[in-house]
């Protein structure tokens, strides 16, 4: 039986979370961007609801005992993000996971419930403390340096060119890994 799109996406999500967990495995992780800066090992998860956070992100973290904090973002948005850093040299999160871009359909447009200012705060935090953000279940956008050339209903293989940090993933470089859909 061929794997479903869901199981293929879950495999990629687990690989991405493995990268984050390696980054945030110690209670205090030295950050590269600010000399002497540290970050806590807690992973910040932003999602539309608790169930999508559980299914996409934190069940894998629980399995490894990695602390996490879930922030649900309703369609109306949130007034503010959680406090990202306790001081100029200590960040509260060792990684960030954003599920489904916390996006919603607003009439004829689909976009994130986070404001541009909130996204900028997250990106600034990444830069300042050297933490990574993993975006799961999102459409490619220019904000992250990618664009879509359209799409089709055909299976599209994915080829990994760099497996640094994924030594135990059983993936191989330059070998097509198909993403199969069920319909």
Protein backbone atom coordinates (compact mmCIF):
# COMPACT_ATOMS: atom_id res chain seq x y z
CA UNK A 1 0.00 0.00 0.00
CA UNK A 2 1.46 3.37 -1.02
CA UNK A 3 2.00 5.96 1.71
CA UNK A 4 -0.52 8.75 1.85
CA UNK A 5 0.25 12.42 1.49
CA UNK A 6 -0.45 12.78 5.23
CA UNK A 7 2.20 10.18 6.17
CA UNK A 8 4.70 11.74 3.77
CA UNK A 9 4.09 15.19 5.24
CA UNK A 10 4.37 13.78 8.75
CA UNK A 11 7.76 12.28 7.82
CA UNK A 12 8.99 15.67 6.62
CA UNK A 13 7.57 17.35 9.71
CA UNK A 14 9.38 14.85 11.94
CA UNK A 15 12.64 15.52 10.08
CA UNK A 16 12.16 19.27 10.55
CA UNK A 17 11.36 18.81 14.22
CA UNK A 18 14.45 16.61 14.60
CA UNK A 19 16.54 19.51 13.36
CA UNK A 20 14.89 21.79 15.90
CA UNK A 21 15.29 19.27 18.71
CA UNK A 22 19.01 18.94 17.99
CA UNK A 23 19.22 22.73 18.16
CA UNK A 24 17.31 22.97 21.42
CA UNK A 25 18.27 19.77 23.19
CA UNK A 26 20.06 21.40 26.11
CA UNK A 27 18.28 23.59 28.66
CA UNK A 28 20.42 26.54 27.59
CA UNK A 29 21.64 26.66 23.98
CA UNK A 30 24.28 29.15 22.98
CA UNK A 31 22.99 31.45 20.25
CA UNK A 32 25.25 32.36 17.36
CA UNK A 33 24.00 35.83 16.53
CA UNK A 34 24.50 37.66 19.83
CA UNK A 35 27.78 37.04 21.59
CA UNK A 36 27.09 35.25 24.86
CA UNK A 37 23.37 34.90 24.15
CA UNK A 38 21.44 31.82 25.24
CA UNK A 39 18.00 30.42 24.51
CA UNK A 40 15.77 28.07 26.46
CA UNK A 41 14.97 24.69 24.96
CA UNK A 42 11.22 25.39 24.81
CA UNK A 43 9.75 25.29 21.28
CA UNK A 44 7.09 27.89 20.44
CA UNK A 45 4.23 26.41 18.39
CA UNK A 46 1.83 28.79 16.64
CA UNK A 47 -1.29 27.12 15.24
CA UNK A 48 -4.94 27.78 14.45
CA UNK A 49 -6.14 25.29 17.06
CA UNK A 50 -4.86 22.83 19.63
CA UNK A 51 -5.61 19.76 17.49
CA UNK A 52 -3.51 20.93 14.55
CA UNK A 53 -0.67 21.78 16.96
CA UNK A 54 -0.88 18.28 18.41
CA UNK A 55 -1.15 16.45 15.09
CA UNK A 56 1.53 18.47 13.31
CA UNK A 57 4.03 19.51 15.93
CA UNK A 58 4.04 18.65 19.57
CA UNK A 59 3.37 14.92 19.63
CA UNK A 60 6.87 14.43 18.19
CA UNK A 61 8.34 16.81 20.73
CA UNK A 62 6.58 15.00 23.59
CA UNK A 63 8.17 11.74 22.48
CA UNK A 64 11.61 13.23 23.06
CA UNK A 65 10.72 15.15 26.21
CA UNK A 66 11.26 18.52 24.53
CA UNK A 67 9.33 21.33 26.23
CA UNK A 68 6.93 23.35 24.08
CA UNK A 69 4.36 26.10 24.35
CA UNK A 70 1.29 26.22 22.10
CA UNK A 71 -0.20 29.57 21.13
CA UNK A 72 -3.47 29.26 19.22
CA UNK A 73 -4.16 32.10 16.82
CA UNK A 74 -7.86 32.56 15.95
CA UNK A 75 -9.03 34.16 12.71
CA UNK A 76 -9.26 37.54 14.48
CA UNK A 77 -5.56 37.28 15.35
CA UNK A 78 -3.85 37.83 18.69
CA UNK A 79 -3.07 41.15 20.32
CA UNK A 80 0.53 40.19 21.00
CA UNK A 81 2.99 37.34 20.72
CA UNK A 82 4.28 35.72 23.90
CA UNK A 83 7.41 37.38 25.30
CA UNK A 84 10.12 36.08 22.99
CA UNK A 85 13.16 37.11 25.01
CA UNK A 86 13.67 37.70 28.71
CA UNK A 87 16.62 40.04 28.08
CA UNK A 88 18.87 41.17 25.25
CA UNK A 89 20.99 38.04 25.77
CA UNK A 90 18.42 35.37 26.73
CA UNK A 91 15.71 34.06 24.40
CA UNK A 92 12.71 32.18 25.74
CA UNK A 93 12.43 29.77 22.77
CA UNK A 94 14.94 27.46 21.12
CA UNK A 95 12.82 27.12 17.99
CA UNK A 96 9.55 28.17 16.40
CA UNK A 97 7.00 25.98 14.60
CA UNK A 98 4.22 27.66 12.61
CA UNK A 99 1.41 25.33 11.51
CA UNK A 100 -0.59 26.20 8.38
CA UNK A 101 0.78 29.75 8.46
CA UNK A 102 -1.97 30.32 11.05
CA UNK A 103 -3.83 31.34 7.91
CA UNK A 104 -7.52 31.72 7.24
CA UNK A 105 -9.80 32.47 4.32
CA UNK A 106 -10.87 36.12 4.52
CA UNK A 107 -13.51 36.25 1.81
CA UNK A 108 -11.61 35.98 -1.46
CA UNK A 109 -8.11 36.01 0.08
CA UNK A 110 -6.21 33.53 2.22
CA UNK A 111 -3.57 34.96 4.56
CA UNK A 112 -2.05 34.71 8.03
CA UNK A 113 -3.86 35.94 11.13
CA UNK A 114 -0.50 37.23 12.38
CA UNK A 115 0.18 40.85 11.52
CA UNK A 116 3.20 41.96 9.53
CA UNK A 117 4.60 43.46 12.76
CA UNK A 118 4.24 40.09 14.53
CA UNK A 119 5.96 38.25 11.66
CA UNK A 120 8.76 40.83 11.76
CA UNK A 121 9.15 40.26 15.51
CA UNK A 122 9.49 36.51 14.92
CA UNK A 123 12.04 37.02 12.14
CA UNK A 124 14.01 39.53 14.24
CA UNK A 125 14.04 37.06 17.13
CA UNK A 126 15.39 34.36 14.80
CA UNK A 127 18.17 36.66 13.65
CA UNK A 128 19.06 37.94 17.11
CA UNK A 129 19.16 34.54 18.81
CA UNK A 130 20.05 32.23 15.92
CA UNK A 131 16.97 30.01 16.25
CA UNK A 132 15.15 28.29 13.41
CA UNK A 133 11.56 28.49 12.29
CA UNK A 134 9.80 25.51 10.74
CA UNK A 135 6.67 26.18 8.71
CA UNK A 136 4.41 23.15 8.24
CA UNK A 137 1.54 22.80 5.77
CA UNK A 138 1.99 26.10 3.93
CA UNK A 139 1.90 27.33 0.36
CA UNK A 140 5.20 28.75 -0.96
CA UNK A 141 5.41 32.55 -0.67
CA UNK A 142 7.91 35.21 -1.63
CA UNK A 143 8.30 36.08 2.09
CA UNK A 144 10.49 33.00 2.40
CA UNK A 145 12.27 33.20 -0.93
CA UNK A 146 10.12 30.70 -2.82
CA UNK A 147 7.45 30.94 -5.44
CA UNK A 148 5.03 28.59 -7.07
CA UNK A 149 5.13 27.83 -10.77
CA UNK A 150 1.58 26.58 -10.56
CA UNK A 151 0.65 23.06 -9.71
CA UNK A 152 -0.92 19.87 -10.94
CA UNK A 153 -2.44 16.66 -9.68
CA UNK A 154 0.63 14.56 -10.48
CA UNK A 155 2.91 13.14 -7.83
CA UNK A 156 5.94 15.40 -7.42
CA UNK A 157 9.18 13.88 -6.13
CA UNK A 158 11.31 15.77 -3.64
CA UNK A 159 15.10 15.55 -3.87
CA UNK A 160 17.24 16.33 -0.84
CA UNK A 161 20.58 17.90 -1.70
CA UNK A 162 21.91 18.45 1.83
CA UNK A 163 21.23 16.15 4.76
CA UNK A 164 23.45 17.91 7.28
CA UNK A 165 21.83 17.43 10.67
CA UNK A 166 19.71 14.52 9.43
CA UNK A 167 22.27 11.72 9.71
CA UNK A 168 19.78 9.29 11.29
CA UNK A 169 16.85 10.11 8.98
CA UNK A 170 17.50 7.25 6.51
CA UNK A 171 17.17 9.78 3.68
CA UNK A 172 19.66 9.82 0.81
CA UNK A 173 20.89 12.76 -1.21
CA UNK A 174 19.88 13.10 -4.85
CA UNK A 175 17.32 10.28 -4.66
CA UNK A 176 13.73 11.17 -5.47
CA UNK A 177 11.38 10.83 -2.50
CA UNK A 178 7.84 10.87 -3.92
CA UNK A 179 4.99 12.65 -2.24
CA UNK A 180 1.94 10.61 -3.03
CA UNK A 181 -1.57 11.94 -2.83
CA UNK A 182 -4.64 9.87 -2.16
CA UNK A 183 -6.99 11.34 -4.69
